[in-house]
Amino acid sequence: MRKISSHKTSIKSPHKSFKYVIVSNLIYLASIFLGWTTRTTFYKTQEFEEWEKSGKNFIYAIWHNQQAFLLYPFRGQKVCSLISLSKDGEYIARVLPKFGMKAVRGSTSKGGASALRNLIDISQAGYHPMITPDGPRGPVYKVQQGVIFLAQKTGLPIVPVACGLSNKFKVRSWDKMRIPIPFGRAAIVFGKMIDVSKYKNMSDVKLELELELDAATLKAEQLVS
């Protein structure tokens, strides 16, 4: 398996303030507490379970407003997440390594081309890219081109994932981000894997991924209601 050089896996952060060290550690501790106090159940498809057991790689896709709880459940699973170059993104980028994950900095609006090249490199080293296909600015629940481009270049299937929370509150943001509250239940639901090579029209891939993510979201919400 190919070794990853550090200069290819991330874009250097411009944020140097000590507050990022403090806040990222607080987020890390809060994520552990949430993980300990939330009863989490995974609902994987048979297709994905077989793919995962074979050791093959894949790309996770999850709606932007459902990502807040995923740090603890996906700890140590060789996940590499695309994180924006914003100041808010800096906090998460510092937390990911504490859970055995990697961060690639960039987005569709800034550093996108370089970030996608880095994601291709790191996926070839066995890490599973995790993308929020409607991020970082929306429109909410609408798949952008980035995740499809990544799947085309790597040949990896896209695995739709949804996270339903029984205890949460919604932030007043463009995506109404779901923030988990302790002592609840979480359902992490996997949809049908999508192989982009089987589609002639990329607009069909976008529609299929949106439908799978929406269906998984509905099921996840029903399971915790």
Protein backbone atom coordinates (compact mmCIF):
# COMPACT_ATOMS: atom_id res chain seq x y z
CA MET A 1 0.00 0.00 0.00
CA ARG A 2 1.39 3.36 -1.06
CA LYS A 3 2.84 5.66 1.59
CA ILE A 4 1.27 9.10 1.83
CA SER A 5 3.59 12.06 1.98
CA SER A 6 2.44 14.80 4.31
CA HIS A 7 2.62 17.56 1.70
CA LYS A 8 0.06 15.79 -0.47
CA THR A 9 -2.61 15.01 2.09
CA SER A 10 -3.57 18.50 3.25
CA ILE A 11 -3.49 22.19 2.53
CA LYS A 12 -1.54 24.10 5.15
CA SER A 13 -3.86 25.93 7.52
CA PRO A 14 -3.59 29.70 7.84
CA HIS A 15 -5.15 29.65 11.31
CA LYS A 16 -2.51 29.80 14.04
CA SER A 17 -4.35 31.17 17.09
CA PHE A 18 -4.08 29.18 20.34
CA LYS A 19 -7.87 29.26 20.59
CA TYR A 20 -8.01 26.56 17.90
CA VAL A 21 -6.01 24.24 20.15
CA ILE A 22 -8.32 24.85 23.10
CA VAL A 23 -11.62 24.66 21.21
CA SER A 24 -10.60 21.60 19.18
CA ASN A 25 -9.74 19.75 22.39
CA LEU A 26 -13.11 20.71 23.85
CA ILE A 27 -14.85 19.42 20.72
CA TYR A 28 -12.87 16.20 21.01
CA LEU A 29 -13.94 15.68 24.64
CA ALA A 30 -17.55 16.58 23.85
CA SER A 31 -17.58 14.10 20.95
CA ILE A 32 -16.34 11.32 23.22
CA PHE A 33 -18.98 12.17 25.83
CA LEU A 34 -21.70 12.16 23.15
CA GLY A 35 -20.44 8.82 21.85
CA TRP A 36 -20.48 7.29 25.32
CA THR A 37 -23.98 8.54 26.13
CA THR A 38 -25.69 7.87 22.79
CA ARG A 39 -26.97 4.41 21.86
CA THR A 40 -25.78 4.08 18.28
CA THR A 41 -26.88 1.42 15.80
CA PHE A 42 -25.50 0.88 12.28
CA TYR A 43 -27.86 -0.31 9.54
CA LYS A 44 -25.64 -1.52 6.70
CA THR A 45 -26.77 -3.09 3.45
CA GLN A 46 -25.61 -6.64 2.71
CA GLU A 47 -23.86 -5.31 -0.39
CA PHE A 48 -21.81 -2.85 1.66
CA GLU A 49 -20.99 -5.38 4.38
CA GLU A 50 -19.56 -7.75 1.77
CA TRP A 51 -17.63 -4.92 0.11
CA GLU A 52 -16.26 -3.76 3.46
CA LYS A 53 -15.20 -7.28 4.50
CA SER A 54 -13.30 -7.68 1.23
CA GLY A 55 -11.11 -4.72 2.18
CA LYS A 56 -12.06 -2.71 -0.90
CA ASN A 57 -12.16 1.06 -0.74
CA PHE A 58 -15.16 3.39 -1.17
CA ILE A 59 -16.38 6.98 -0.77
CA TYR A 60 -18.81 8.00 1.98
CA ALA A 61 -21.41 10.65 1.12
CA ILE A 62 -23.58 12.28 3.80
CA TRP A 63 -25.70 15.43 3.83
CA HIS A 64 -23.92 18.40 5.38
CA ASN A 65 -26.39 18.86 8.26
CA GLN A 66 -25.94 15.27 9.54
CA GLN A 67 -22.17 15.18 10.03
CA ALA A 68 -21.87 16.58 13.57
CA PHE A 69 -22.21 13.22 15.35
CA LEU A 70 -20.02 11.06 13.10
CA LEU A 71 -16.61 11.58 14.73
CA TYR A 72 -17.00 8.99 17.50
CA PRO A 73 -18.95 6.28 15.57
CA PHE A 74 -16.43 6.32 12.70
CA ARG A 75 -13.31 6.55 14.85
CA GLY A 76 -10.34 4.52 13.66
CA GLN A 77 -11.96 3.59 10.35
CA LYS A 78 -9.39 5.25 8.06
CA VAL A 79 -11.76 8.02 7.07
CA CYS A 80 -10.48 11.08 5.27
CA SER A 81 -12.83 14.04 5.30
CA LEU A 82 -12.91 17.09 3.05
CA ILE A 83 -12.94 20.12 5.36
CA SER A 84 -13.38 23.71 4.22
CA LEU A 85 -10.61 26.28 4.65
CA SER A 86 -12.89 28.41 6.85
CA LYS A 87 -12.10 29.21 10.47
CA ASP A 88 -14.91 26.89 11.58
CA GLY A 89 -13.42 24.11 9.46
CA GLU A 90 -10.11 24.54 11.28
CA TYR A 91 -11.61 23.21 14.52
CA ILE A 92 -12.80 19.98 12.89
CA ALA A 93 -9.57 19.56 10.94
CA ARG A 94 -7.69 19.54 14.26
CA VAL A 95 -10.13 17.06 15.86
CA LEU A 96 -10.11 14.43 13.10
CA PRO A 97 -6.57 13.10 13.79
CA LYS A 98 -7.55 12.53 17.43
CA PHE A 99 -10.04 9.92 16.14
CA GLY A 100 -7.57 8.31 13.73
CA MET A 101 -8.92 10.20 10.72
CA LYS A 102 -7.33 12.56 8.24
CA ALA A 103 -8.41 15.98 6.96
CA VAL A 104 -7.99 17.40 3.48
CA ARG A 105 -8.59 21.14 3.41
CA GLY A 106 -10.55 22.75 0.61
CA SER A 107 -14.02 23.11 -0.89
CA THR A 108 -15.80 23.78 -4.16
CA SER A 109 -15.34 27.52 -3.58
CA LYS A 110 -11.68 27.56 -2.48
CA GLY A 111 -8.83 25.10 -2.89
CA GLY A 112 -11.15 22.61 -4.59
CA ALA A 113 -8.88 21.34 -7.36
CA SER A 114 -5.94 20.79 -5.02
CA ALA A 115 -8.18 19.16 -2.40
CA LEU A 116 -9.61 16.71 -4.92
CA ARG A 117 -6.12 15.74 -6.07
CA ASN A 118 -5.15 15.12 -2.45
CA LEU A 119 -8.29 13.04 -1.89
CA ILE A 120 -7.41 10.91 -4.91
CA ASP A 121 -3.90 10.35 -3.52
CA ILE A 122 -5.07 9.46 -0.03
CA SER A 123 -7.83 7.14 -1.29
CA GLN A 124 -5.18 5.20 -3.20
CA ALA A 125 -3.44 4.69 0.14
CA GLY A 126 -6.53 2.95 1.56
CA TYR A 127 -8.42 5.80 3.21
CA HIS A 128 -12.15 6.26 2.65
CA PRO A 129 -13.01 9.83 1.59
CA MET A 130 -16.05 11.26 3.37
CA ILE A 131 -17.81 14.00 1.41
CA THR A 132 -20.78 16.24 2.15
CA PRO A 133 -22.07 16.53 -1.42
CA ASP A 134 -24.26 19.57 -0.70
CA GLY A 135 -21.51 21.44 1.21
CA PRO A 136 -20.03 23.74 2.15
CA ARG A 137 -22.66 26.32 1.15
CA GLY A 138 -25.53 24.43 -0.44
CA PRO A 139 -28.12 24.41 -1.72
CA VAL A 140 -29.12 21.93 0.95
CA TYR A 141 -29.87 18.36 -0.20
CA LYS A 142 -28.52 19.05 -3.71
CA VAL A 143 -25.51 17.02 -4.87
CA GLN A 144 -22.63 19.04 -6.31
CA GLN A 145 -20.15 17.77 -8.89
CA GLY A 146 -17.19 17.18 -6.54
CA VAL A 147 -18.13 13.77 -5.15
CA ILE A 148 -19.00 12.47 -8.62
CA PHE A 149 -15.71 13.76 -10.06
CA LEU A 150 -13.83 12.02 -7.24
CA ALA A 151 -15.67 8.75 -7.91
CA GLN A 152 -14.89 9.00 -11.61
CA LYS A 153 -11.19 9.62 -11.06
CA THR A 154 -10.72 6.93 -8.40
CA GLY A 155 -13.15 4.32 -9.73
CA LEU A 156 -14.53 3.95 -6.18
CA PRO A 157 -18.24 3.43 -5.45
CA ILE A 158 -20.17 6.05 -3.49
CA VAL A 159 -21.79 4.85 -0.26
CA PRO A 160 -24.74 7.06 0.83
CA VAL A 161 -24.94 7.42 4.63
CA ALA A 162 -27.54 9.12 6.84
CA CYS A 163 -27.52 9.84 10.56
CA GLY A 164 -30.75 10.15 12.53
CA LEU A 165 -30.72 11.50 16.10
CA SER A 166 -33.47 11.23 18.69
CA ASN A 167 -31.99 14.06 20.79
CA LYS A 168 -30.86 17.10 18.83
CA PHE A 169 -31.37 20.76 18.12
CA LYS A 170 -31.10 22.58 14.81
CA VAL A 171 -28.74 25.48 14.22
CA ARG A 172 -29.97 28.54 12.33
CA SER A 173 -27.67 27.94 9.39
CA TRP A 174 -28.24 27.43 5.65
CA ASP A 175 -28.51 23.66 6.18
CA LYS A 176 -30.16 23.66 9.64
CA MET A 177 -27.27 21.65 11.09
CA ARG A 178 -28.33 18.89 13.53
CA ILE A 179 -26.40 19.12 16.79
CA PRO A 180 -26.62 15.97 18.96
CA ILE A 181 -27.68 16.09 22.61
CA PRO A 182 -26.46 13.40 25.08
CA PHE A 183 -28.46 10.39 26.30
CA GLY A 184 -30.31 9.77 23.06
CA ARG A 185 -30.29 7.28 20.22
CA ALA A 186 -28.57 7.45 16.84
CA ALA A 187 -29.32 5.44 13.70
CA ILE A 188 -26.64 5.39 11.00
CA VAL A 189 -28.24 4.08 7.82
CA PHE A 190 -26.41 3.04 4.64
CA GLY A 191 -28.03 3.32 1.23
CA LYS A 192 -27.40 1.47 -2.02
CA MET A 193 -23.82 1.76 -3.29
CA ILE A 194 -23.49 3.80 -6.48
CA ASP A 195 -21.00 2.89 -9.21
CA VAL A 196 -20.71 5.98 -11.42
CA SER A 197 -19.17 3.97 -14.28
CA LYS A 198 -22.59 2.41 -14.91
CA TYR A 199 -24.14 5.78 -15.75
CA LYS A 200 -23.85 7.55 -19.11
CA ASN A 201 -25.31 10.82 -17.84
CA MET A 202 -23.79 12.41 -14.73
CA SER A 203 -27.06 14.21 -13.98
CA ASP A 204 -28.55 10.74 -13.46
CA VAL A 205 -25.83 9.98 -10.90
CA LYS A 206 -26.62 13.19 -9.02
CA LEU A 207 -30.32 12.36 -8.96
CA GLU A 208 -29.69 8.77 -7.84
CA LEU A 209 -27.39 9.90 -5.02
CA GLU A 210 -29.90 12.50 -3.85
CA LEU A 211 -32.68 9.89 -3.82
CA GLU A 212 -30.55 7.38 -1.90
CA LEU A 213 -29.45 9.98 0.67
CA ASP A 214 -33.02 11.20 1.14
CA ALA A 215 -34.33 7.64 1.54
CA ALA A 216 -31.60 6.78 4.05
CA THR A 217 -32.34 10.01 5.95
CA LEU A 218 -36.05 9.19 6.14
CA LYS A 219 -35.31 5.68 7.40
CA ALA A 220 -32.79 6.97 9.98
CA GLU A 221 -35.28 9.51 11.30
CA GLN A 222 -38.02 6.87 11.53
CA LEU A 223 -35.76 4.50 13.43
CA VAL A 224 -35.09 7.04 16.20
CA SER A 225 -38.56 8.61 16.36
